[in-house]
C-alpha atoms as a PDB file:
ATOM      1  CA  MET A   1     -71.931  11.977 -42.467  1.00  0.00           C
ATOM      2  CA  ASP A   2     -72.056  12.729 -38.731  1.00  0.00           C
ATOM      3  CA  ALA A   3     -75.288  13.124 -36.741  1.00  0.00           C
ATOM      4  CA  ARG A   4     -75.156  16.943 -36.650  1.00  0.00           C
ATOM      5  CA  ALA A   5     -74.764  17.109 -40.439  1.00  0.00           C
ATOM      6  CA  ILE A   6     -77.644  14.652 -40.944  1.00  0.00           C
ATOM      7  CA  ILE A   7     -79.940  16.680 -38.693  1.00  0.00           C
ATOM      8  CA  GLY A   8     -78.953  19.916 -40.453  1.00  0.00           C
ATOM      9  CA  TRP A   9     -79.504  18.384 -43.889  1.00  0.00           C
ATOM     10  CA  ASN A  10     -82.967  17.100 -42.987  1.00  0.00           C
ATOM     11  CA  LEU A  11     -83.958  20.284 -41.177  1.00  0.00           C
ATOM     12  CA  ARG A  12     -83.160  22.406 -44.229  1.00  0.00           C
ATOM     13  CA  ARG A  13     -84.828  19.944 -46.618  1.00  0.00           C
ATOM     14  CA  LEU A  14     -88.050  19.807 -44.591  1.00  0.00           C
ATOM     15  CA  ARG A  15     -88.096  23.551 -43.933  1.00  0.00           C
ATOM     16  CA  VAL A  16     -87.664  24.403 -47.623  1.00  0.00           C
ATOM     17  CA  GLU A  17     -90.263  21.788 -48.677  1.00  0.00           C
ATOM     18  CA  ARG A  18     -92.759  23.595 -46.439  1.00  0.00           C
ATOM     19  CA  GLY A  19     -91.756  27.038 -47.697  1.00  0.00           C
ATOM     20  CA  LEU A  20     -90.643  28.236 -44.258  1.00  0.00           C
ATOM     21  CA  SER A  21     -87.853  30.717 -43.689  1.00  0.00           C
ATOM     22  CA  GLN A  22     -85.421  30.082 -40.858  1.00  0.00           C
ATOM     23  CA  GLU A  23     -87.114  32.918 -38.993  1.00  0.00           C
ATOM     24  CA  ARG A  24     -90.627  31.443 -39.358  1.00  0.00           C
ATOM     25  CA  LEU A  25     -89.407  28.012 -38.242  1.00  0.00           C
ATOM     26  CA  ALA A  26     -87.612  29.557 -35.276  1.00  0.00           C
ATOM     27  CA  LEU A  27     -90.737  31.475 -34.230  1.00  0.00           C
ATOM     28  CA  ALA A  28     -92.909  28.362 -34.523  1.00  0.00           C
ATOM     29  CA  ALA A  29     -90.404  26.272 -32.539  1.00  0.00           C
ATOM     30  CA  GLY A  30     -89.709  28.958 -29.928  1.00  0.00           C
ATOM     31  CA  ILE A  31     -85.973  29.143 -30.660  1.00  0.00           C
ATOM     32  CA  ASP A  32     -83.555  31.742 -32.039  1.00  0.00           C
ATOM     33  CA  ARG A  33     -83.270  32.158 -35.830  1.00  0.00           C
ATOM     34  CA  ALA A  34     -79.478  32.159 -35.705  1.00  0.00           C
ATOM     35  CA  TYR A  35     -79.623  28.847 -33.838  1.00  0.00           C
ATOM     36  CA  VAL A  36     -81.655  27.328 -36.712  1.00  0.00           C
ATOM     37  CA  GLY A  37     -78.922  28.429 -39.136  1.00  0.00           C
ATOM     38  CA  ARG A  38     -76.196  26.872 -37.001  1.00  0.00           C
ATOM     39  CA  VAL A  39     -78.159  23.617 -36.764  1.00  0.00           C
ATOM     40  CA  GLU A  40     -78.620  23.550 -40.545  1.00  0.00           C
ATOM     41  CA  ARG A  41     -74.862  24.057 -41.018  1.00  0.00           C
ATOM     42  CA  GLY A  42     -74.162  21.207 -38.592  1.00  0.00           C
ATOM     43  CA  SER A  43     -72.234  23.390 -36.165  1.00  0.00           C
ATOM     44  CA  GLU A  44     -74.603  23.087 -33.202  1.00  0.00           C
ATOM     45  CA  ASN A  45     -75.283  20.200 -30.833  1.00  0.00           C
ATOM     46  CA  VAL A  46     -79.053  19.914 -30.574  1.00  0.00           C
ATOM     47  CA  THR A  47     -80.961  18.708 -27.529  1.00  0.00           C
ATOM     48  CA  ILE A  48     -83.822  16.254 -27.804  1.00  0.00           C
ATOM     49  CA  SER A  49     -86.208  18.991 -26.632  1.00  0.00           C
ATOM     50  CA  THR A  50     -85.071  21.291 -29.433  1.00  0.00           C
ATOM     51  CA  LEU A  51     -85.358  18.489 -32.003  1.00  0.00           C
ATOM     52  CA  GLU A  52     -88.881  17.848 -30.780  1.00  0.00           C
ATOM     53  CA  ALA A  53     -89.806  21.548 -31.007  1.00  0.00           C
ATOM     54  CA  MET A  54     -88.480  21.801 -34.575  1.00  0.00           C
ATOM     55  CA  ALA A  55     -90.158  18.553 -35.634  1.00  0.00           C
ATOM     56  CA  THR A  56     -93.462  19.761 -34.170  1.00  0.00           C
ATOM     57  CA  ALA A  57     -93.142  23.073 -36.030  1.00  0.00           C
ATOM     58  CA  LEU A  58     -92.482  21.114 -39.248  1.00  0.00           C
ATOM     59  CA  ALA A  59     -95.326  18.648 -38.492  1.00  0.00           C
ATOM     60  CA  VAL A  60     -93.060  15.597 -38.797  1.00  0.00           C
ATOM     61  CA  PRO A  61     -91.939  12.870 -36.376  1.00  0.00           C
ATOM     62  CA  VAL A  62     -88.578  13.540 -34.692  1.00  0.00           C
ATOM     63  CA  ALA A  63     -87.212  10.455 -36.467  1.00  0.00           C
ATOM     64  CA  ASP A  64     -87.539  12.266 -39.829  1.00  0.00           C
ATOM     65  CA  LEU A  65     -84.726  14.587 -38.744  1.00  0.00           C
ATOM     66  CA  LEU A  66     -82.398  11.608 -38.215  1.00  0.00           C
ATOM     67  CA  ILE A  67     -82.712   9.853 -41.593  1.00  0.00           C
ATOM     68  CA  GLU A  68     -79.383   9.716 -43.422  1.00  0.00           C
ATOM     69  CA  PRO A  69     -79.612  11.122 -46.976  1.00  0.00           C
ATOM     70  CA  GLU A  70     -78.929   8.846 -49.928  1.00  0.00           C
ATOM     71  CA  PRO A  71     -75.278   8.791 -51.030  1.00  0.00           C
ATOM     72  CA  GLY A  72     -74.720  11.479 -53.656  1.00  0.00           C
ATOM     73  CA  ALA A  73     -77.992  13.292 -52.866  1.00  0.00           C
ATOM     74  CA  ALA A  74     -77.964  16.949 -53.891  1.00  0.00           C
ATOM     75  CA  ARG A  75     -77.859  19.493 -51.073  1.00  0.00           C
ATOM     76  CA  PRO A  76     -81.328  20.952 -50.415  1.00  0.00           C
ATOM     77  CA  MET A  77     -81.826  24.192 -52.322  1.00  0.00           C
ATOM     78  CA  PRO A  78     -82.475  27.425 -50.411  1.00  0.00           C
ATOM     79  CA  LEU A  79     -85.809  29.208 -50.524  1.00  0.00           C
ATOM     80  CA  ARG A  80     -86.292  31.896 -53.124  1.00  0.00           C
ATOM     81  CA  SER A  81     -85.302  35.204 -51.527  1.00  0.00           C
ATOM     82  CA  GLY A  82     -87.713  38.048 -50.959  1.00  0.00           C
ATOM     83  CA  ARG A  83     -91.253  38.226 -49.738  1.00  0.00           C
ATOM     84  CA  ARG A  84     -94.264  36.544 -51.256  1.00  0.00           C
ATOM     85  CA  ALA A  85     -96.756  38.774 -53.016  1.00  0.00           C
ATOM     86  CA  ARG A  86    -100.046  39.263 -51.196  1.00  0.00           C
ATOM     87  CA  GLY A  87    -102.320  36.323 -51.767  1.00  0.00           C
ATOM     88  CA  GLU A  88     -99.498  34.157 -53.157  1.00  0.00           C
ATOM     89  CA  PRO A  89     -99.769  30.705 -51.566  1.00  0.00           C
ATOM     90  CA  ALA A  90     -96.902  29.240 -49.594  1.00  0.00           C
ATOM     91  CA  ARG A  91     -94.938  26.641 -51.485  1.00  0.00           C
END
């Protein structure tokens, strides 16, 4: 797995674990939502500054975005679509 794919894999995994949409992550990191999607698909070269902004928004060290997934690991599942009901806690 190349570095862009590893970063995309970890970005999606961490984002979904925190219950953040691509749009919410992008707003928190100060980047474009479409850019987050391209990073998750592994089609974008990411700068260190952007990695740092995304890691900060996810409250993880930058190094967590660079950890290679275990061989055979299942692709991170997407978030459930739609809006949360009022008062429903974030996952």
